[in-house]
Amino acid sequence: MFKKILVPVDLADLDIARVAVTRAAALARESGGTIRLVYVRSVLPVAFVEFVPPNFDTEQEQQSAEELAEFAKSVPLPPERVSTAVRLGAVYNEVLEEASEIGADLIVVSSHQPGVSTYLIGSNAATIVRHATCSVLVLRG
């Protein structure tokens, strides 16, 4: 069974994240495993750097960490079996890197119903599936 489960969370769309968290928690309960929630912050375009305060990145990271920690309290597992991480970069790259660093044996990701742009450009979920070195469970939100 799966002992280390990684769940990418979009703090801007917690309803869809709950789908993945609920399934991941059920799998973790069955196997005695743990869940790692990860939120990936986007990189601020260089053109905007001069318009934000010098401590912008630090404040954003702290705010994201607090929001993710609050969301983690809703995971139906004992708190010692749930951890969080905030990363900065491209979603699929950072999710795959986090999975590698923690030795995840499963990534559970929620995905919106595909649209035309998803078929033409690709989505984070599709890229994670193609490049992950562990199992990936994609759930439709």
C-alpha atoms as a PDB file:
ATOM      1  CA  MET A   1       0.000   0.000   0.000  1.00  0.00           C
ATOM      2  CA  PHE A   2       0.921   3.655  -0.121  1.00  0.00           C
ATOM      3  CA  LYS A   3       2.896   4.986   2.848  1.00  0.00           C
ATOM      4  CA  LYS A   4       3.833   8.490   1.639  1.00  0.00           C
ATOM      5  CA  ILE A   5       1.137  10.299  -0.290  1.00  0.00           C
ATOM      6  CA  LEU A   6       1.696  13.715  -1.832  1.00  0.00           C
ATOM      7  CA  VAL A   7      -1.298  15.945  -2.549  1.00  0.00           C
ATOM      8  CA  PRO A   8      -0.818  19.172  -4.520  1.00  0.00           C
ATOM      9  CA  VAL A   9      -3.197  21.860  -3.246  1.00  0.00           C
ATOM     10  CA  ASP A  10      -4.292  25.031  -5.009  1.00  0.00           C
ATOM     11  CA  LEU A  11      -5.127  27.481  -2.226  1.00  0.00           C
ATOM     12  CA  ALA A  12      -7.272  29.429  -4.704  1.00  0.00           C
ATOM     13  CA  ASP A  13      -9.507  26.373  -5.286  1.00  0.00           C
ATOM     14  CA  LEU A  14      -9.804  24.420  -2.046  1.00  0.00           C
ATOM     15  CA  ASP A  15     -13.051  22.743  -3.102  1.00  0.00           C
ATOM     16  CA  ILE A  16     -11.291  20.776  -5.816  1.00  0.00           C
ATOM     17  CA  ALA A  17      -8.357  20.069  -3.482  1.00  0.00           C
ATOM     18  CA  ARG A  18     -10.743  18.476  -0.977  1.00  0.00           C
ATOM     19  CA  VAL A  19     -11.558  15.786  -3.531  1.00  0.00           C
ATOM     20  CA  ALA A  20      -7.902  14.684  -3.602  1.00  0.00           C
ATOM     21  CA  VAL A  21      -7.391  15.124   0.141  1.00  0.00           C
ATOM     22  CA  THR A  22     -10.440  13.002   0.979  1.00  0.00           C
ATOM     23  CA  ARG A  23      -9.247  10.141  -1.240  1.00  0.00           C
ATOM     24  CA  ALA A  24      -5.648  10.450  -0.049  1.00  0.00           C
ATOM     25  CA  ALA A  25      -6.764  10.361   3.597  1.00  0.00           C
ATOM     26  CA  ALA A  26      -8.768   7.201   2.973  1.00  0.00           C
ATOM     27  CA  LEU A  27      -5.746   5.534   1.361  1.00  0.00           C
ATOM     28  CA  ALA A  28      -3.467   6.696   4.176  1.00  0.00           C
ATOM     29  CA  ARG A  29      -5.868   5.364   6.820  1.00  0.00           C
ATOM     30  CA  GLU A  30      -5.913   1.939   5.132  1.00  0.00           C
ATOM     31  CA  SER A  31      -2.136   1.715   4.909  1.00  0.00           C
ATOM     32  CA  GLY A  32      -1.065   3.615   8.028  1.00  0.00           C
ATOM     33  CA  GLY A  33       0.557   6.139   5.726  1.00  0.00           C
ATOM     34  CA  THR A  34       1.126   9.875   5.812  1.00  0.00           C
ATOM     35  CA  ILE A  35       0.010  12.770   3.652  1.00  0.00           C
ATOM     36  CA  ARG A  36       2.115  15.704   2.511  1.00  0.00           C
ATOM     37  CA  LEU A  37       0.167  18.697   1.207  1.00  0.00           C
ATOM     38  CA  VAL A  38       2.144  20.919  -1.146  1.00  0.00           C
ATOM     39  CA  TYR A  39       1.240  24.335  -2.477  1.00  0.00           C
ATOM     40  CA  VAL A  40       3.283  25.784  -5.316  1.00  0.00           C
ATOM     41  CA  ARG A  41       3.477  29.567  -5.583  1.00  0.00           C
ATOM     42  CA  SER A  42       4.047  31.067  -8.995  1.00  0.00           C
ATOM     43  CA  VAL A  43       7.205  33.009  -9.703  1.00  0.00           C
ATOM     44  CA  LEU A  44       6.599  36.743  -9.956  1.00  0.00           C
ATOM     45  CA  PRO A  45       7.477  37.964 -13.457  1.00  0.00           C
ATOM     46  CA  VAL A  46      10.650  40.068 -13.463  1.00  0.00           C
ATOM     47  CA  ALA A  47       8.749  43.006 -14.977  1.00  0.00           C
ATOM     48  CA  PHE A  48       6.739  43.330 -11.746  1.00  0.00           C
ATOM     49  CA  VAL A  49       9.597  43.049  -9.238  1.00  0.00           C
ATOM     50  CA  GLU A  50      10.132  46.807  -9.000  1.00  0.00           C
ATOM     51  CA  PHE A  51       6.447  47.324  -8.121  1.00  0.00           C
ATOM     52  CA  VAL A  52       6.319  45.090  -5.047  1.00  0.00           C
ATOM     53  CA  PRO A  53       7.845  45.634  -1.594  1.00  0.00           C
ATOM     54  CA  PRO A  54      11.256  44.050  -0.923  1.00  0.00           C
ATOM     55  CA  ASN A  55       9.763  41.509   1.503  1.00  0.00           C
ATOM     56  CA  PHE A  56       6.966  40.471  -0.891  1.00  0.00           C
ATOM     57  CA  ASP A  57       8.214  36.897  -1.417  1.00  0.00           C
ATOM     58  CA  THR A  58       8.719  36.322   2.302  1.00  0.00           C
ATOM     59  CA  GLU A  59       5.255  37.635   3.165  1.00  0.00           C
ATOM     60  CA  GLN A  60       3.610  35.592   0.407  1.00  0.00           C
ATOM     61  CA  GLU A  61       5.394  32.436   1.511  1.00  0.00           C
ATOM     62  CA  GLN A  62       4.376  32.991   5.135  1.00  0.00           C
ATOM     63  CA  GLN A  63       0.761  33.694   4.201  1.00  0.00           C
ATOM     64  CA  SER A  64       0.658  30.604   1.971  1.00  0.00           C
ATOM     65  CA  ALA A  65       2.168  28.445   4.713  1.00  0.00           C
ATOM     66  CA  GLU A  66      -0.436  29.680   7.208  1.00  0.00           C
ATOM     67  CA  GLU A  67      -3.325  29.048   4.792  1.00  0.00           C
ATOM     68  CA  LEU A  68      -2.026  25.582   3.962  1.00  0.00           C
ATOM     69  CA  ALA A  69      -1.555  24.739   7.657  1.00  0.00           C
ATOM     70  CA  GLU A  70      -5.127  25.825   8.325  1.00  0.00           C
ATOM     71  CA  PHE A  71      -6.389  23.674   5.457  1.00  0.00           C
ATOM     72  CA  ALA A  72      -4.318  20.735   6.764  1.00  0.00           C
ATOM     73  CA  LYS A  73      -6.401  20.788   9.954  1.00  0.00           C
ATOM     74  CA  SER A  74      -9.371  19.607   7.868  1.00  0.00           C
ATOM     75  CA  VAL A  75      -7.590  16.417   6.773  1.00  0.00           C
ATOM     76  CA  PRO A  76      -9.326  13.496   8.487  1.00  0.00           C
ATOM     77  CA  LEU A  77      -6.123  12.016   9.902  1.00  0.00           C
ATOM     78  CA  PRO A  78      -4.190  12.550  13.131  1.00  0.00           C
ATOM     79  CA  PRO A  79      -2.114  15.758  12.824  1.00  0.00           C
ATOM     80  CA  GLU A  80       1.186  13.884  13.146  1.00  0.00           C
ATOM     81  CA  ARG A  81       0.388  12.063   9.887  1.00  0.00           C
ATOM     82  CA  VAL A  82      -0.142  15.282   7.888  1.00  0.00           C
ATOM     83  CA  SER A  83       2.599  17.689   6.844  1.00  0.00           C
ATOM     84  CA  THR A  84       2.763  20.692   4.544  1.00  0.00           C
ATOM     85  CA  ALA A  85       5.205  22.380   2.202  1.00  0.00           C
ATOM     86  CA  VAL A  86       5.176  25.595   0.194  1.00  0.00           C
ATOM     87  CA  ARG A  87       7.351  25.757  -2.900  1.00  0.00           C
ATOM     88  CA  LEU A  88       8.067  28.406  -5.511  1.00  0.00           C
ATOM     89  CA  GLY A  89       8.141  27.652  -9.240  1.00  0.00           C
ATOM     90  CA  ALA A  90       6.239  25.779 -11.931  1.00  0.00           C
ATOM     91  CA  VAL A  91       3.556  23.511 -10.469  1.00  0.00           C
ATOM     92  CA  TYR A  92       4.481  20.242 -12.154  1.00  0.00           C
ATOM     93  CA  ASN A  93       8.253  20.704 -11.632  1.00  0.00           C
ATOM     94  CA  GLU A  94       7.865  21.505  -7.953  1.00  0.00           C
ATOM     95  CA  VAL A  95       5.334  18.725  -7.310  1.00  0.00           C
ATOM     96  CA  LEU A  96       7.645  16.175  -8.920  1.00  0.00           C
ATOM     97  CA  GLU A  97      10.627  17.527  -6.971  1.00  0.00           C
ATOM     98  CA  GLU A  98       8.692  17.377  -3.685  1.00  0.00           C
ATOM     99  CA  ALA A  99       7.617  13.808  -4.455  1.00  0.00           C
ATOM    100  CA  SER A 100      11.232  12.850  -5.063  1.00  0.00           C
ATOM    101  CA  GLU A 101      12.515  14.591  -1.917  1.00  0.00           C
ATOM    102  CA  ILE A 102      10.022  12.922   0.416  1.00  0.00           C
ATOM    103  CA  GLY A 103      10.100   9.544  -1.326  1.00  0.00           C
ATOM    104  CA  ALA A 104       6.402   9.646  -2.176  1.00  0.00           C
ATOM    105  CA  ASP A 105       4.952   6.430  -3.494  1.00  0.00           C
ATOM    106  CA  LEU A 106       1.713   8.096  -4.653  1.00  0.00           C
ATOM    107  CA  ILE A 107       0.667  11.526  -5.869  1.00  0.00           C
ATOM    108  CA  VAL A 108      -3.064  12.243  -5.647  1.00  0.00           C
ATOM    109  CA  VAL A 109      -4.064  15.202  -7.788  1.00  0.00           C
ATOM    110  CA  SER A 110      -7.450  16.723  -8.556  1.00  0.00           C
ATOM    111  CA  SER A 111      -8.075  17.896 -12.071  1.00  0.00           C
ATOM    112  CA  HIS A 112     -10.779  20.029 -13.626  1.00  0.00           C
ATOM    113  CA  GLN A 113     -12.765  18.576 -16.496  1.00  0.00           C
ATOM    114  CA  PRO A 114     -10.616  19.019 -19.597  1.00  0.00           C
ATOM    115  CA  GLY A 115     -11.329  21.765 -22.066  1.00  0.00           C
ATOM    116  CA  VAL A 116      -9.959  22.710 -25.451  1.00  0.00           C
ATOM    117  CA  SER A 117      -6.933  24.504 -23.997  1.00  0.00           C
ATOM    118  CA  THR A 118      -6.057  21.459 -21.877  1.00  0.00           C
ATOM    119  CA  TYR A 119      -6.014  19.189 -24.911  1.00  0.00           C
ATOM    120  CA  LEU A 120      -3.851  21.578 -26.922  1.00  0.00           C
ATOM    121  CA  ILE A 121      -1.438  22.838 -24.261  1.00  0.00           C
ATOM    122  CA  GLY A 122      -1.479  20.152 -21.590  1.00  0.00           C
ATOM    123  CA  SER A 123      -2.256  20.477 -17.912  1.00  0.00           C
ATOM    124  CA  ASN A 124      -0.304  20.184 -14.697  1.00  0.00           C
ATOM    125  CA  ALA A 125      -1.998  16.864 -13.958  1.00  0.00           C
ATOM    126  CA  ALA A 126      -1.082  15.447 -17.361  1.00  0.00           C
ATOM    127  CA  THR A 127       2.540  16.552 -17.007  1.00  0.00           C
ATOM    128  CA  ILE A 128       2.753  15.072 -13.507  1.00  0.00           C
ATOM    129  CA  VAL A 129       1.372  11.763 -14.819  1.00  0.00           C
ATOM    130  CA  ARG A 130       3.857  11.664 -17.699  1.00  0.00           C
ATOM    131  CA  HIS A 131       6.943  12.451 -15.633  1.00  0.00           C
ATOM    132  CA  ALA A 132       6.313  11.038 -12.143  1.00  0.00           C
ATOM    133  CA  THR A 133       8.489   8.181 -10.951  1.00  0.00           C
ATOM    134  CA  CYS A 134       5.768   6.988  -8.566  1.00  0.00           C
ATOM    135  CA  SER A 135       2.097   6.155  -9.018  1.00  0.00           C
ATOM    136  CA  VAL A 136      -0.303   9.013  -9.735  1.00  0.00           C
ATOM    137  CA  LEU A 137      -4.032   9.032  -9.071  1.00  0.00           C
ATOM    138  CA  VAL A 138      -5.906  11.755 -10.971  1.00  0.00           C
ATOM    139  CA  LEU A 139      -9.372  12.572  -9.696  1.00  0.00           C
ATOM    140  CA  ARG A 140     -11.916  14.591 -11.598  1.00  0.00           C
ATOM    141  CA  GLY A 141     -13.317  17.469  -9.545  1.00  0.00           C
END
